[in-house]
Amino acid sequence: MQVRNLSKAFGGVRAVDDISFDLAAGELLALIGPNGAGKSTTFNMVGGQLPATTGSVRLDGHELVGMRP
């Protein structure tokens, strides 16, 4: 999975700002931070429950942003 330049804005507030990472098959990745840092928002965008404002999520070369969960 490749996540590139993923951002989410709620009005004028940027909950997630330009996050990028790669995740290989079988690899574990931790996303840590304080309350309100955008962790849940990031997972919700990657999983398709929340639309991203900008950026892309790709799995095996297929774009996932905009697809239904």
PDB file of N, CA and C in Angstrom:
ATOM      1  N   MET A   1       0.845  -1.160   0.000  1.00  0.00           N
ATOM      2  CA  MET A   1       0.000   0.000   0.000  1.00  0.00           C
ATOM      3  C   MET A   1       0.894   1.228   0.000  1.00  0.00           C
ATOM      4  N   GLN A   2       0.476   2.218  -0.770  1.00  0.00           N
ATOM      5  CA  GLN A   2       1.200   3.481  -0.827  1.00  0.00           C
ATOM      6  C   GLN A   2       0.231   4.616  -0.518  1.00  0.00           C
ATOM      7  N   VAL A   3       0.558   5.395   0.475  1.00  0.00           N
ATOM      8  CA  VAL A   3      -0.224   6.573   0.838  1.00  0.00           C
ATOM      9  C   VAL A   3       0.646   7.783   0.528  1.00  0.00           C
ATOM     10  N   ARG A   4       0.097   8.705  -0.264  1.00  0.00           N
ATOM     11  CA  ARG A   4       0.871   9.864  -0.684  1.00  0.00           C
ATOM     12  C   ARG A   4       0.098  11.155  -0.448  1.00  0.00           C
ATOM     13  N   ASN A   5       0.716  12.057   0.288  1.00  0.00           N
ATOM     14  CA  ASN A   5       0.225  13.432   0.456  1.00  0.00           C
ATOM     15  C   ASN A   5      -1.231  13.488   0.907  1.00  0.00           C
ATOM     16  N   LEU A   6      -1.605  12.597   1.815  1.00  0.00           N
ATOM     17  CA  LEU A   6      -2.979  12.515   2.289  1.00  0.00           C
ATOM     18  C   LEU A   6      -3.264  13.638   3.277  1.00  0.00           C
ATOM     19  N   SER A   7      -4.346  14.363   3.031  1.00  0.00           N
ATOM     20  CA  SER A   7      -4.757  15.465   3.902  1.00  0.00           C
ATOM     21  C   SER A   7      -6.263  15.430   4.082  1.00  0.00           C
ATOM     22  N   LYS A   8      -6.715  15.956   5.217  1.00  0.00           N
ATOM     23  CA  LYS A   8      -8.142  16.091   5.483  1.00  0.00           C
ATOM     24  C   LYS A   8      -8.373  17.397   6.209  1.00  0.00           C
ATOM     25  N   ALA A   9      -9.270  18.208   5.656  1.00  0.00           N
ATOM     26  CA  ALA A   9      -9.641  19.474   6.281  1.00  0.00           C
ATOM     27  C   ALA A   9     -11.116  19.431   6.645  1.00  0.00           C
ATOM     28  N   PHE A  10     -11.425  19.921   7.825  1.00  0.00           N
ATOM     29  CA  PHE A  10     -12.797  20.106   8.276  1.00  0.00           C
ATOM     30  C   PHE A  10     -12.990  21.609   8.400  1.00  0.00           C
ATOM     31  N   GLY A  11     -13.585  22.213   7.387  1.00  0.00           N
ATOM     32  CA  GLY A  11     -13.657  23.670   7.355  1.00  0.00           C
ATOM     33  C   GLY A  11     -12.248  24.224   7.217  1.00  0.00           C
ATOM     34  N   GLY A  12     -11.847  25.094   8.110  1.00  0.00           N
ATOM     35  CA  GLY A  12     -10.508  25.662   8.071  1.00  0.00           C
ATOM     36  C   GLY A  12      -9.487  24.903   8.898  1.00  0.00           C
ATOM     37  N   VAL A  13      -9.898  23.795   9.506  1.00  0.00           N
ATOM     38  CA  VAL A  13      -9.003  23.022  10.374  1.00  0.00           C
ATOM     39  C   VAL A  13      -8.467  21.818   9.606  1.00  0.00           C
ATOM     40  N   ARG A  14      -7.140  21.692   9.554  1.00  0.00           N
ATOM     41  CA  ARG A  14      -6.513  20.538   8.906  1.00  0.00           C
ATOM     42  C   ARG A  14      -6.263  19.468   9.959  1.00  0.00           C
ATOM     43  N   ALA A  15      -7.056  18.406   9.919  1.00  0.00           N
ATOM     44  CA  ALA A  15      -6.905  17.308  10.871  1.00  0.00           C
ATOM     45  C   ALA A  15      -5.703  16.444  10.520  1.00  0.00           C
ATOM     46  N   VAL A  16      -5.443  16.276   9.228  1.00  0.00           N
ATOM     47  CA  VAL A  16      -4.287  15.530   8.723  1.00  0.00           C
ATOM     48  C   VAL A  16      -3.688  16.389   7.619  1.00  0.00           C
ATOM     49  N   ASP A  17      -2.379  16.558   7.641  1.00  0.00           N
ATOM     50  CA  ASP A  17      -1.733  17.452   6.685  1.00  0.00           C
ATOM     51  C   ASP A  17      -0.553  16.774   6.008  1.00  0.00           C
ATOM     52  N   ASP A  18      -0.778  16.257   4.797  1.00  0.00           N
ATOM     53  CA  ASP A  18       0.297  15.790   3.917  1.00  0.00           C
ATOM     54  C   ASP A  18       1.071  14.599   4.484  1.00  0.00           C
ATOM     55  N   ILE A  19       0.363  13.527   4.849  1.00  0.00           N
ATOM     56  CA  ILE A  19       1.031  12.330   5.356  1.00  0.00           C
ATOM     57  C   ILE A  19       1.297  11.363   4.205  1.00  0.00           C
ATOM     58  N   SER A  20       2.477  10.755   4.205  1.00  0.00           N
ATOM     59  CA  SER A  20       2.856   9.764   3.198  1.00  0.00           C
ATOM     60  C   SER A  20       3.562   8.609   3.886  1.00  0.00           C
ATOM     61  N   PHE A  21       3.269   7.384   3.436  1.00  0.00           N
ATOM     62  CA  PHE A  21       3.981   6.201   3.919  1.00  0.00           C
ATOM     63  C   PHE A  21       3.730   5.042   2.970  1.00  0.00           C
ATOM     64  N   ASP A  22       4.612   4.037   3.040  1.00  0.00           N
ATOM     65  CA  ASP A  22       4.464   2.785   2.300  1.00  0.00           C
ATOM     66  C   ASP A  22       4.286   1.668   3.308  1.00  0.00           C
ATOM     67  N   LEU A  23       3.476   0.685   2.949  1.00  0.00           N
ATOM     68  CA  LEU A  23       3.247  -0.472   3.801  1.00  0.00           C
ATOM     69  C   LEU A  23       3.322  -1.709   2.923  1.00  0.00           C
ATOM     70  N   ALA A  24       4.321  -2.559   3.168  1.00  0.00           N
ATOM     71  CA  ALA A  24       4.509  -3.779   2.388  1.00  0.00           C
ATOM     72  C   ALA A  24       3.643  -4.904   2.950  1.00  0.00           C
ATOM     73  N   ALA A  25       3.344  -5.886   2.120  1.00  0.00           N
ATOM     74  CA  ALA A  25       2.562  -7.046   2.550  1.00  0.00           C
ATOM     75  C   ALA A  25       3.244  -7.707   3.741  1.00  0.00           C
ATOM     76  N   GLY A  26       2.485  -7.950   4.799  1.00  0.00           N
ATOM     77  CA  GLY A  26       3.013  -8.586   6.000  1.00  0.00           C
ATOM     78  C   GLY A  26       3.722  -7.654   6.958  1.00  0.00           C
ATOM     79  N   GLU A  27       3.918  -6.420   6.571  1.00  0.00           N
ATOM     80  CA  GLU A  27       4.609  -5.442   7.414  1.00  0.00           C
ATOM     81  C   GLU A  27       3.643  -4.829   8.422  1.00  0.00           C
ATOM     82  N   LEU A  28       4.144  -4.545   9.614  1.00  0.00           N
ATOM     83  CA  LEU A  28       3.370  -3.850  10.636  1.00  0.00           C
ATOM     84  C   LEU A  28       3.861  -2.414  10.715  1.00  0.00           C
ATOM     85  N   LEU A  29       2.927  -1.501  10.883  1.00  0.00           N
ATOM     86  CA  LEU A  29       3.253  -0.084  10.957  1.00  0.00           C
ATOM     87  C   LEU A  29       2.448   0.523  12.090  1.00  0.00           C
ATOM     88  N   ALA A  30       3.088   1.326  12.917  1.00  0.00           N
ATOM     89  CA  ALA A  30       2.398   1.992  14.025  1.00  0.00           C
ATOM     90  C   ALA A  30       2.232   3.467  13.692  1.00  0.00           C
ATOM     91  N   LEU A  31       1.075   3.980  14.039  1.00  0.00           N
ATOM     92  CA  LEU A  31       0.795   5.401  13.902  1.00  0.00           C
ATOM     93  C   LEU A  31       0.512   5.907  15.308  1.00  0.00           C
ATOM     94  N   ILE A  32       1.438   6.690  15.852  1.00  0.00           N
ATOM     95  CA  ILE A  32       1.310   7.127  17.239  1.00  0.00           C
ATOM     96  C   ILE A  32       1.241   8.648  17.310  1.00  0.00           C
ATOM     97  N   GLY A  33       0.641   9.132  18.379  1.00  0.00           N
ATOM     98  CA  GLY A  33       0.553  10.569  18.591  1.00  0.00           C
ATOM     99  C   GLY A  33      -0.449  10.871  19.679  1.00  0.00           C
ATOM    100  N   PRO A  34      -0.482  12.103  20.137  1.00  0.00           N
ATOM    101  CA  PRO A  34      -1.403  12.488  21.209  1.00  0.00           C
ATOM    102  C   PRO A  34      -2.845  12.551  20.702  1.00  0.00           C
ATOM    103  N   ASN A  35      -3.769  12.675  21.643  1.00  0.00           N
ATOM    104  CA  ASN A  35      -5.177  12.854  21.286  1.00  0.00           C
ATOM    105  C   ASN A  35      -5.314  14.054  20.357  1.00  0.00           C
ATOM    106  N   GLY A  36      -6.121  13.889  19.322  1.00  0.00           N
ATOM    107  CA  GLY A  36      -6.356  14.984  18.389  1.00  0.00           C
ATOM    108  C   GLY A  36      -5.306  15.144  17.307  1.00  0.00           C
ATOM    109  N   ALA A  37      -4.373  14.192  17.206  1.00  0.00           N
ATOM    110  CA  ALA A  37      -3.290  14.312  16.228  1.00  0.00           C
ATOM    111  C   ALA A  37      -3.696  13.876  14.820  1.00  0.00           C
ATOM    112  N   GLY A  38      -4.865  13.231  14.671  1.00  0.00           N
ATOM    113  CA  GLY A  38      -5.321  12.811  13.348  1.00  0.00           C
ATOM    114  C   GLY A  38      -5.152  11.336  13.052  1.00  0.00           C
ATOM    115  N   LYS A  39      -4.852  10.532  14.062  1.00  0.00           N
ATOM    116  CA  LYS A  39      -4.650   9.093  13.851  1.00  0.00           C
ATOM    117  C   LYS A  39      -5.909   8.415  13.324  1.00  0.00           C
ATOM    118  N   SER A  40      -7.025   8.608  13.996  1.00  0.00           N
ATOM    119  CA  SER A  40      -8.282   7.976  13.566  1.00  0.00           C
ATOM    120  C   SER A  40      -8.722   8.508  12.215  1.00  0.00           C
ATOM    121  N   THR A  41      -8.544   9.788  11.987  1.00  0.00           N
ATOM    122  CA  THR A  41      -8.895  10.379  10.696  1.00  0.00           C
ATOM    123  C   THR A  41      -8.071   9.740   9.587  1.00  0.00           C
ATOM    124  N   THR A  42      -6.784   9.518   9.830  1.00  0.00           N
ATOM    125  CA  THR A  42      -5.924   8.873   8.841  1.00  0.00           C
ATOM    126  C   THR A  42      -6.417   7.470   8.534  1.00  0.00           C
ATOM    127  N   PHE A  43      -6.676   6.664   9.560  1.00  0.00           N
ATOM    128  CA  PHE A  43      -7.166   5.302   9.335  1.00  0.00           C
ATOM    129  C   PHE A  43      -8.507   5.313   8.610  1.00  0.00           C
ATOM    130  N   ASN A  44      -9.378   6.247   8.942  1.00  0.00           N
ATOM    131  CA  ASN A  44     -10.677   6.328   8.277  1.00  0.00           C
ATOM    132  C   ASN A  44     -10.546   6.712   6.803  1.00  0.00           C
ATOM    133  N   MET A  45      -9.577   7.542   6.465  1.00  0.00           N
ATOM    134  CA  MET A  45      -9.347   7.869   5.055  1.00  0.00           C
ATOM    135  C   MET A  45      -8.750   6.684   4.313  1.00  0.00           C
ATOM    136  N   VAL A  46      -7.767   6.027   4.914  1.00  0.00           N
ATOM    137  CA  VAL A  46      -7.132   4.872   4.272  1.00  0.00           C
ATOM    138  C   VAL A  46      -8.159   3.764   4.050  1.00  0.00           C
ATOM    139  N   GLY A  47      -9.057   3.561   5.014  1.00  0.00           N
ATOM    140  CA  GLY A  47     -10.073   2.517   4.906  1.00  0.00           C
ATOM    141  C   GLY A  47     -11.282   2.890   4.076  1.00  0.00           C
ATOM    142  N   GLY A  48     -11.378   4.140   3.646  1.00  0.00           N
ATOM    143  CA  GLY A  48     -12.469   4.557   2.783  1.00  0.00           C
ATOM    144  C   GLY A  48     -13.716   5.046   3.491  1.00  0.00           C
ATOM    145  N   GLN A  49     -13.711   5.098   4.814  1.00  0.00           N
ATOM    146  CA  GLN A  49     -14.883   5.576   5.542  1.00  0.00           C
ATOM    147  C   GLN A  49     -15.010   7.093   5.517  1.00  0.00           C
ATOM    148  N   LEU A  50     -13.920   7.772   5.223  1.00  0.00           N
ATOM    149  CA  LEU A  50     -13.894   9.231   5.215  1.00  0.00           C
ATOM    150  C   LEU A  50     -13.147   9.683   3.961  1.00  0.00           C
ATOM    151  N   PRO A  51     -13.739  10.560   3.155  1.00  0.00           N
ATOM    152  CA  PRO A  51     -13.040  10.997   1.947  1.00  0.00           C
ATOM    153  C   PRO A  51     -11.867  11.924   2.277  1.00  0.00           C
ATOM    154  N   ALA A  52     -10.777  11.733   1.567  1.00  0.00           N
ATOM    155  CA  ALA A  52      -9.611  12.603   1.736  1.00  0.00           C
ATOM    156  C   ALA A  52      -9.859  13.926   1.025  1.00  0.00           C
ATOM    157  N   THR A  53      -9.324  15.002   1.577  1.00  0.00           N
ATOM    158  CA  THR A  53      -9.376  16.299   0.905  1.00  0.00           C
ATOM    159  C   THR A  53      -8.391  16.310  -0.254  1.00  0.00           C
ATOM    160  N   THR A  54      -7.183  15.794  -0.013  1.00  0.00           N
ATOM    161  CA  THR A  54      -6.169  15.651  -1.060  1.00  0.00           C
ATOM    162  C   THR A  54      -5.399  14.369  -0.813  1.00  0.00           C
ATOM    163  N   GLY A  55      -4.677  13.921  -1.830  1.00  0.00           N
ATOM    164  CA  GLY A  55      -3.791  12.782  -1.695  1.00  0.00           C
ATOM    165  C   GLY A  55      -4.331  11.522  -2.333  1.00  0.00           C
ATOM    166  N   SER A  56      -3.539  10.455  -2.215  1.00  0.00           N
ATOM    167  CA  SER A  56      -3.922   9.186  -2.820  1.00  0.00           C
ATOM    168  C   SER A  56      -3.560   8.027  -1.905  1.00  0.00           C
ATOM    169  N   VAL A  57      -4.346   6.967  -2.050  1.00  0.00           N
ATOM    170  CA  VAL A  57      -4.087   5.690  -1.389  1.00  0.00           C
ATOM    171  C   VAL A  57      -4.128   4.646  -2.492  1.00  0.00           C
ATOM    172  N   ARG A  58      -3.025   3.924  -2.675  1.00  0.00           N
ATOM    173  CA  ARG A  58      -2.945   2.920  -3.738  1.00  0.00           C
ATOM    174  C   ARG A  58      -2.637   1.555  -3.142  1.00  0.00           C
ATOM    175  N   LEU A  59      -3.297   0.555  -3.700  1.00  0.00           N
ATOM    176  CA  LEU A  59      -3.060  -0.834  -3.322  1.00  0.00           C
ATOM    177  C   LEU A  59      -2.848  -1.614  -4.604  1.00  0.00           C
ATOM    178  N   ASP A  60      -1.687  -2.214  -4.746  1.00  0.00           N
ATOM    179  CA  ASP A  60      -1.321  -2.941  -5.970  1.00  0.00           C
ATOM    180  C   ASP A  60      -1.516  -2.080  -7.215  1.00  0.00           C
ATOM    181  N   GLY A  61      -1.213  -0.788  -7.097  1.00  0.00           N
ATOM    182  CA  GLY A  61      -1.295   0.123  -8.225  1.00  0.00           C
ATOM    183  C   GLY A  61      -2.672   0.694  -8.500  1.00  0.00           C
ATOM    184  N   HIS A  62      -3.682   0.279  -7.736  1.00  0.00           N
ATOM    185  CA  HIS A  62      -5.047   0.756  -7.935  1.00  0.00           C
ATOM    186  C   HIS A  62      -5.376   1.858  -6.934  1.00  0.00           C
ATOM    187  N   GLU A  63      -5.904   2.960  -7.429  1.00  0.00           N
ATOM    188  CA  GLU A  63      -6.290   4.084  -6.581  1.00  0.00           C
ATOM    189  C   GLU A  63      -7.518   3.714  -5.760  1.00  0.00           C
ATOM    190  N   LEU A  64      -7.450   3.964  -4.443  1.00  0.00           N
ATOM    191  CA  LEU A  64      -8.558   3.644  -3.550  1.00  0.00           C
ATOM    192  C   LEU A  64      -9.346   4.869  -3.110  1.00  0.00           C
ATOM    193  N   VAL A  65      -8.749   6.063  -3.173  1.00  0.00           N
ATOM    194  CA  VAL A  65      -9.464   7.269  -2.752  1.00  0.00           C
ATOM    195  C   VAL A  65     -10.674   7.449  -3.664  1.00  0.00           C
ATOM    196  N   GLY A  66     -11.821   7.655  -3.055  1.00  0.00           N
ATOM    197  CA  GLY A  66     -13.052   7.837  -3.807  1.00  0.00           C
ATOM    198  C   GLY A  66     -13.856   6.565  -3.981  1.00  0.00           C
ATOM    199  N   MET A  67     -13.251   5.410  -3.673  1.00  0.00           N
ATOM    200  CA  MET A  67     -13.990   4.148  -3.747  1.00  0.00           C
ATOM    201  C   MET A  67     -14.785   3.944  -2.470  1.00  0.00           C
ATOM    202  N   ARG A  68     -15.817   3.148  -2.548  1.00  0.00           N
ATOM    203  CA  ARG A  68     -16.609   2.826  -1.365  1.00  0.00           C
ATOM    204  C   ARG A  68     -15.866   1.785  -0.529  1.00  0.00           C
ATOM    205  N   PRO A  69     -16.067   1.826   0.803  1.00  0.00           N
ATOM    206  CA  PRO A  69     -15.385   0.833   1.661  1.00  0.00           C
ATOM    207  C   PRO A  69     -15.864  -0.579   1.382  1.00  0.00           C
TER     208      PRO A  69
END
